[in-house]
N, C-alpha and C. Protein backbone atom coordinates (compact mmCIF):
# COMPACT_ATOMS: atom_id res chain seq x y z
N MET A 1 22.11 2.14 -0.99
CA MET A 1 21.64 3.69 0.18
C MET A 1 22.63 4.96 -1.12
N ARG A 2 20.57 6.11 -1.71
CA ARG A 2 21.08 7.16 -2.62
C ARG A 2 22.23 7.92 -2.28
N LEU A 3 23.41 8.54 -2.89
CA LEU A 3 24.19 9.35 -2.16
C LEU A 3 23.64 10.89 -2.12
N LYS A 4 24.05 10.89 -1.12
CA LYS A 4 23.02 12.45 -0.02
C LYS A 4 23.62 13.25 -1.22
N SER A 5 21.97 13.95 -1.26
CA SER A 5 21.07 15.27 -2.85
C SER A 5 23.05 16.06 -2.81
N SER A 6 23.45 17.14 -1.37
CA SER A 6 24.32 17.57 -1.53
C SER A 6 25.14 17.21 -1.73
N ILE A 7 25.57 15.94 -1.59
CA ILE A 7 27.29 15.27 -2.43
C ILE A 7 27.40 15.24 -3.88
N TRP A 8 26.46 14.97 -4.27
CA TRP A 8 25.64 14.65 -5.64
C TRP A 8 25.55 15.88 -6.84
N VAL A 9 25.44 16.95 -5.98
CA VAL A 9 25.85 18.83 -6.23
C VAL A 9 26.48 18.79 -6.62
N SER A 10 27.14 19.10 -5.96
CA SER A 10 29.04 19.01 -6.13
C SER A 10 29.28 18.05 -6.45
N ALA A 11 29.05 16.96 -6.96
CA ALA A 11 29.62 16.12 -7.99
C ALA A 11 29.64 16.87 -9.68
N TYR A 12 27.89 17.08 -9.49
CA TYR A 12 27.66 17.20 -10.60
C TYR A 12 28.23 19.32 -10.69
N LEU A 13 28.37 19.71 -10.03
CA LEU A 13 28.81 21.45 -10.92
C LEU A 13 30.97 20.86 -11.45
N ARG A 14 30.90 19.62 -10.49
CA ARG A 14 32.41 19.88 -10.89
C ARG A 14 32.13 18.97 -11.91
N ARG A 15 31.33 18.31 -12.66
CA ARG A 15 31.66 17.89 -14.44
C ARG A 15 31.79 19.10 -15.02
N CYS A 16 30.28 19.95 -14.37
CA CYS A 16 29.85 20.79 -15.50
C CYS A 16 31.12 21.82 -15.68
N GLN A 17 31.75 21.95 -14.63
CA GLN A 17 33.30 22.37 -14.34
C GLN A 17 34.31 22.39 -15.95
N THR A 18 34.35 20.86 -15.19
CA THR A 18 34.77 19.82 -16.51
C THR A 18 35.03 20.73 -17.93
N GLU A 19 33.48 20.81 -17.77
CA GLU A 19 33.16 20.85 -19.05
C GLU A 19 33.16 21.53 -20.18
N GLY A 20 33.76 22.81 -18.95
CA GLY A 20 33.97 24.12 -19.74
C GLY A 20 31.83 24.73 -19.04
N VAL A 21 31.25 24.35 -18.43
CA VAL A 21 29.82 25.00 -18.57
C VAL A 21 29.56 26.04 -17.21
N PHE A 22 29.06 26.77 -16.95
CA PHE A 22 28.93 27.55 -15.46
C PHE A 22 27.73 27.15 -14.81
N GLY A 23 27.38 26.77 -13.65
CA GLY A 23 26.57 25.71 -13.52
C GLY A 23 27.25 26.00 -12.08
N ALA A 24 25.19 26.62 -11.01
CA ALA A 24 25.98 26.72 -10.04
C ALA A 24 24.49 26.36 -8.94
N VAL A 25 24.32 26.83 -8.29
CA VAL A 25 22.98 26.02 -7.03
C VAL A 25 22.41 27.58 -6.84
N SER A 26 20.85 27.56 -7.37
CA SER A 26 20.70 28.69 -7.16
C SER A 26 19.21 28.03 -5.59
N ARG A 27 19.62 27.27 -5.55
CA ARG A 27 17.98 26.95 -4.36
C ARG A 27 18.90 25.60 -3.76
N ARG A 28 19.54 26.26 -2.57
CA ARG A 28 19.48 24.30 -1.60
C ARG A 28 18.56 23.97 -0.79
N GLY A 29 18.73 23.09 -1.50
CA GLY A 29 17.26 21.37 -0.80
C GLY A 29 18.02 21.32 0.22
N ALA A 30 17.10 20.27 0.80
CA ALA A 30 17.65 19.06 2.43
C ALA A 30 18.87 18.39 1.31
N GLU A 31 20.05 18.57 2.19
CA GLU A 31 21.10 18.23 2.46
C GLU A 31 21.50 16.41 2.25
N ASP A 32 20.74 15.78 2.83
CA ASP A 32 20.37 14.07 2.44
C ASP A 32 19.39 13.72 0.90
N ALA A 33 18.40 14.25 0.98
CA ALA A 33 17.64 13.92 -0.14
C ALA A 33 16.37 14.56 -0.47
N GLY A 34 17.48 15.84 -0.67
CA GLY A 34 15.91 16.81 -1.44
C GLY A 34 16.02 16.41 -2.50
N ALA A 35 14.50 16.41 -3.77
CA ALA A 35 15.10 16.29 -5.11
C ALA A 35 16.44 17.45 -5.70
N VAL A 36 16.43 16.83 -6.42
CA VAL A 36 17.14 17.89 -7.53
C VAL A 36 16.81 18.45 -8.85
N PHE A 37 16.61 19.66 -9.33
CA PHE A 37 15.94 19.97 -10.51
C PHE A 37 17.58 20.61 -11.25
N VAL A 38 17.41 20.52 -12.82
CA VAL A 38 18.03 21.63 -13.73
C VAL A 38 17.40 22.15 -14.43
N LYS A 39 18.31 23.22 -14.35
CA LYS A 39 17.77 24.08 -15.57
C LYS A 39 18.95 24.86 -16.36
N VAL A 40 18.95 24.04 -17.40
CA VAL A 40 20.08 24.81 -18.61
C VAL A 40 19.34 25.59 -19.31
N VAL A 41 19.78 26.75 -19.33
CA VAL A 41 19.59 28.20 -20.07
C VAL A 41 20.57 28.55 -21.32
N LEU A 42 20.25 28.84 -22.58
CA LEU A 42 20.43 28.92 -24.05
C LEU A 42 20.71 30.19 -23.78
N PRO A 43 21.47 30.19 -24.94
CA PRO A 43 21.79 31.85 -25.54
C PRO A 43 20.57 32.78 -25.83
N ASP A 44 19.12 32.20 -26.14
CA ASP A 44 18.32 33.18 -26.50
C ASP A 44 17.68 33.02 -26.02
N ARG A 45 17.72 33.19 -24.10
CA ARG A 45 17.26 32.29 -22.85
C ARG A 45 16.09 32.09 -23.02
N THR A 46 15.98 30.82 -23.63
CA THR A 46 14.97 30.19 -23.47
C THR A 46 15.56 29.49 -22.19
N ALA A 47 15.45 27.65 -21.85
CA ALA A 47 15.77 27.13 -21.16
C ALA A 47 14.98 25.63 -21.02
N MET A 48 15.80 24.20 -20.68
CA MET A 48 15.36 23.25 -20.49
C MET A 48 15.23 23.12 -19.13
N LEU A 49 14.47 22.56 -18.21
CA LEU A 49 14.49 22.31 -17.41
C LEU A 49 14.68 20.29 -17.22
N TYR A 50 15.03 19.73 -15.98
CA TYR A 50 14.86 18.43 -16.38
C TYR A 50 14.69 18.10 -14.74
N ALA A 51 13.50 17.51 -14.42
CA ALA A 51 13.08 17.31 -13.03
C ALA A 51 13.49 15.71 -12.99
N PRO A 52 13.70 14.65 -11.52
CA PRO A 52 13.32 13.71 -10.71
C PRO A 52 12.59 13.12 -11.84
N ALA A 53 13.04 11.84 -12.31
CA ALA A 53 12.44 10.88 -13.10
C ALA A 53 11.74 10.05 -12.07
N PRO A 54 10.24 9.84 -12.17
CA PRO A 54 9.09 8.67 -11.30
C PRO A 54 10.03 7.77 -11.39
N GLN A 55 9.87 7.62 -9.90
CA GLN A 55 10.44 5.95 -9.47
C GLN A 55 9.63 5.32 -10.41
N THR A 56 9.07 4.42 -11.04
CA THR A 56 8.94 3.58 -11.51
C THR A 56 10.07 3.23 -13.03
N ALA A 57 10.29 4.93 -12.77
CA ALA A 57 11.88 4.97 -14.82
C ALA A 57 13.38 4.39 -14.00
N TYR A 58 13.67 3.89 -12.86
CA TYR A 58 14.70 3.36 -12.32
C TYR A 58 14.75 1.51 -12.41
N ASP A 59 16.05 1.46 -13.62
CA ASP A 59 16.38 0.42 -13.18
C ASP A 59 16.29 -0.16 -11.89
N ASP A 60 16.16 -1.64 -12.05
CA ASP A 60 15.78 -2.51 -11.00
C ASP A 60 16.98 -2.49 -10.94
N ALA A 61 17.87 -2.73 -11.30
CA ALA A 61 20.08 -3.34 -11.35
C ALA A 61 20.26 -2.49 -11.04
N ARG A 62 19.92 -1.07 -10.83
CA ARG A 62 20.68 0.68 -10.76
C ARG A 62 19.54 1.10 -9.76
N PRO A 63 18.63 0.92 -8.29
CA PRO A 63 18.01 1.71 -7.81
C PRO A 63 18.30 3.09 -7.64
N PHE A 64 19.94 3.51 -7.13
CA PHE A 64 19.84 3.99 -6.22
C PHE A 64 20.68 5.84 -6.97
N GLU A 65 20.84 5.09 -8.52
CA GLU A 65 21.21 6.29 -9.34
C GLU A 65 19.90 7.54 -9.53
N ARG A 66 20.56 8.56 -9.57
CA ARG A 66 19.67 9.43 -10.35
C ARG A 66 19.00 9.78 -11.61
N VAL A 67 18.18 9.36 -11.84
CA VAL A 67 17.57 9.56 -13.43
C VAL A 67 16.62 10.60 -13.63
N PHE A 68 17.16 11.53 -14.50
CA PHE A 68 16.20 12.32 -15.12
C PHE A 68 15.08 12.66 -16.34
N ALA A 69 14.68 14.10 -16.04
CA ALA A 69 13.47 13.35 -17.51
C ALA A 69 13.01 14.98 -17.95
N PRO A 70 13.01 15.21 -18.69
CA PRO A 70 13.31 16.42 -18.84
C PRO A 70 11.74 17.20 -19.14
N VAL A 71 10.99 18.14 -18.52
CA VAL A 71 9.62 18.49 -18.22
C VAL A 71 9.24 18.89 -19.79
N SER A 72 10.12 19.22 -20.72
CA SER A 72 9.09 19.62 -22.51
C SER A 72 9.79 19.42 -22.97
N VAL A 73 9.72 19.33 -23.92
CA VAL A 73 10.10 18.11 -25.68
C VAL A 73 11.05 19.60 -26.14
N GLU A 74 11.00 20.63 -25.65
CA GLU A 74 11.29 22.20 -26.70
C GLU A 74 11.80 22.67 -25.19
N PRO A 75 13.14 23.22 -25.66
CA PRO A 75 12.98 24.72 -24.89
C PRO A 75 12.03 25.44 -24.78
N GLN A 76 11.91 26.46 -23.36
CA GLN A 76 10.61 27.25 -23.10
C GLN A 76 11.58 28.85 -23.11
N PRO A 77 10.24 29.15 -22.97
CA PRO A 77 11.12 30.81 -22.08
C PRO A 77 11.36 30.72 -21.13
N GLU A 78 12.53 31.44 -20.37
CA GLU A 78 12.96 31.02 -19.16
C GLU A 78 11.77 31.65 -17.87
N ALA A 79 11.17 32.51 -18.20
CA ALA A 79 10.04 32.89 -17.72
C ALA A 79 9.71 32.06 -16.91
N LEU A 80 8.66 30.78 -17.87
CA LEU A 80 7.76 29.92 -17.72
C LEU A 80 8.02 28.50 -17.74
N VAL A 81 9.38 28.10 -17.35
CA VAL A 81 10.64 27.72 -16.54
C VAL A 81 10.85 27.78 -14.96
N ASP A 82 11.05 29.49 -14.74
CA ASP A 82 10.74 29.64 -13.36
C ASP A 82 9.68 29.80 -12.79
N GLU A 83 8.28 29.55 -13.48
CA GLU A 83 6.84 29.50 -12.85
C GLU A 83 6.74 28.58 -12.36
N ARG A 84 7.14 27.10 -13.53
CA ARG A 84 7.17 25.86 -13.07
C ARG A 84 7.89 25.34 -12.03
N LEU A 85 8.82 26.07 -11.37
CA LEU A 85 10.40 25.90 -10.80
C LEU A 85 9.24 26.27 -9.28
N ALA A 86 8.73 27.95 -9.56
CA ALA A 86 8.38 28.18 -8.38
C ALA A 86 6.84 27.66 -7.78
N LYS A 87 6.53 27.20 -8.55
CA LYS A 87 5.33 25.99 -8.14
C LYS A 87 5.70 24.94 -7.63
N GLU A 88 6.33 24.16 -8.12
CA GLU A 88 7.97 23.16 -7.43
C GLU A 88 7.69 23.31 -5.74
N ILE A 89 8.44 24.65 -5.62
CA ILE A 89 8.95 24.97 -4.31
C ILE A 89 7.92 24.78 -3.50
N ARG A 90 6.76 25.27 -3.94
CA ARG A 90 5.54 25.50 -3.25
C ARG A 90 5.30 23.80 -2.41
N PHE A 91 5.05 23.05 -3.27
CA PHE A 91 4.65 21.86 -3.31
C PHE A 91 5.93 20.77 -2.24
N ASP A 92 7.43 20.88 -2.64
CA ASP A 92 8.46 20.47 -2.05
C ASP A 92 9.63 21.88 -1.38
N PRO A 93 9.28 22.53 -0.22
CA PRO A 93 10.34 22.92 0.04
C PRO A 93 11.82 22.65 0.08
N ASP A 94 11.25 21.86 0.06
CA ASP A 94 13.40 21.04 -0.11
C ASP A 94 14.04 20.38 -0.84
N ILE A 95 13.26 21.43 -2.55
CA ILE A 95 13.98 20.71 -3.86
C ILE A 95 15.47 21.92 -4.13
N TRP A 96 16.37 21.26 -4.69
CA TRP A 96 17.47 21.68 -5.02
C TRP A 96 17.61 22.35 -6.72
N ILE A 97 18.00 23.14 -6.64
CA ILE A 97 18.01 23.93 -8.28
C ILE A 97 19.29 24.12 -9.07
N ILE A 98 19.68 23.59 -9.43
CA ILE A 98 20.99 23.74 -10.55
C ILE A 98 20.64 24.52 -11.38
N GLU A 99 20.96 25.21 -11.49
CA GLU A 99 21.11 26.26 -13.04
C GLU A 99 22.45 26.84 -13.78
N THR A 100 22.02 26.27 -15.13
CA THR A 100 23.76 25.39 -16.02
C THR A 100 23.20 26.70 -17.14
N GLU A 101 24.77 27.34 -17.31
CA GLU A 101 24.19 28.01 -18.58
C GLU A 101 25.48 27.55 -19.71
N ASP A 102 24.68 26.88 -21.21
CA ASP A 102 25.17 26.32 -22.09
C ASP A 102 24.94 26.18 -23.26
N ARG A 103 25.96 27.37 -24.55
CA ARG A 103 25.61 27.62 -25.89
C ARG A 103 25.03 25.92 -26.51
N LEU A 104 25.12 25.32 -26.44
CA LEU A 104 24.92 23.98 -26.95
C LEU A 104 24.09 22.74 -26.19
N GLY A 105 23.84 23.57 -24.55
CA GLY A 105 22.16 22.74 -23.90
C GLY A 105 22.71 21.39 -23.33
N ARG A 106 24.09 21.14 -23.55
CA ARG A 106 24.31 20.29 -22.74
C ARG A 106 23.76 19.99 -21.26
N HIS A 107 23.76 18.81 -20.90
CA HIS A 107 23.03 18.35 -19.42
C HIS A 107 23.86 17.88 -18.06
N PHE A 108 24.49 16.71 -18.96
CA PHE A 108 25.24 15.71 -18.83
C PHE A 108 24.38 14.81 -16.99
N LEU A 109 23.43 14.83 -17.68
CA LEU A 109 22.40 14.07 -16.50
C LEU A 109 22.16 12.90 -17.16
N ASP A 110 21.36 11.91 -16.53
CA ASP A 110 21.56 10.34 -16.56
C ASP A 110 19.83 10.99 -17.62
N LEU A 111 19.67 10.52 -18.53
CA LEU A 111 17.82 10.50 -18.53
C LEU A 111 17.56 9.55 -18.44
N VAL A 112 15.90 9.33 -18.55
CA VAL A 112 15.20 8.11 -19.07
C VAL A 112 15.40 7.97 -19.57
N LYS A 113 14.73 6.80 -20.39
CA LYS A 113 15.27 5.31 -21.23
C LYS A 113 13.61 6.04 -22.54
N GLN A 114 13.35 6.12 -23.28
CA GLN A 114 12.11 6.69 -23.30
C GLN A 114 11.87 5.35 -24.37
N SER A 115 10.58 4.65 -23.74
CA SER A 115 10.34 3.12 -25.13
C SER A 115 10.05 3.88 -26.18
């Protein structure tokens, strides 16, 4: 059984805080199983967006860990990232959105392994 979204978000924000990165919940989703999106804002007001990886990306040995995939290869204007998040909310109103600000762009997420 996968960790509840609310518990995962709390742990993720604690990790950010420990590393000296500001992070906050900008949208609270479903407590138990809401999808989590992470937006990392850079000093130039561009941002990277990390979305839940597709189910096919999960390791069979560890199917319950949360894995993420970047939505784009390069940072995008923050307004474009916000538009994408608005579309995601219309599709699934139960999503969580976490926003962090880090000049180095660190995200502390497990990413999908590229083949």
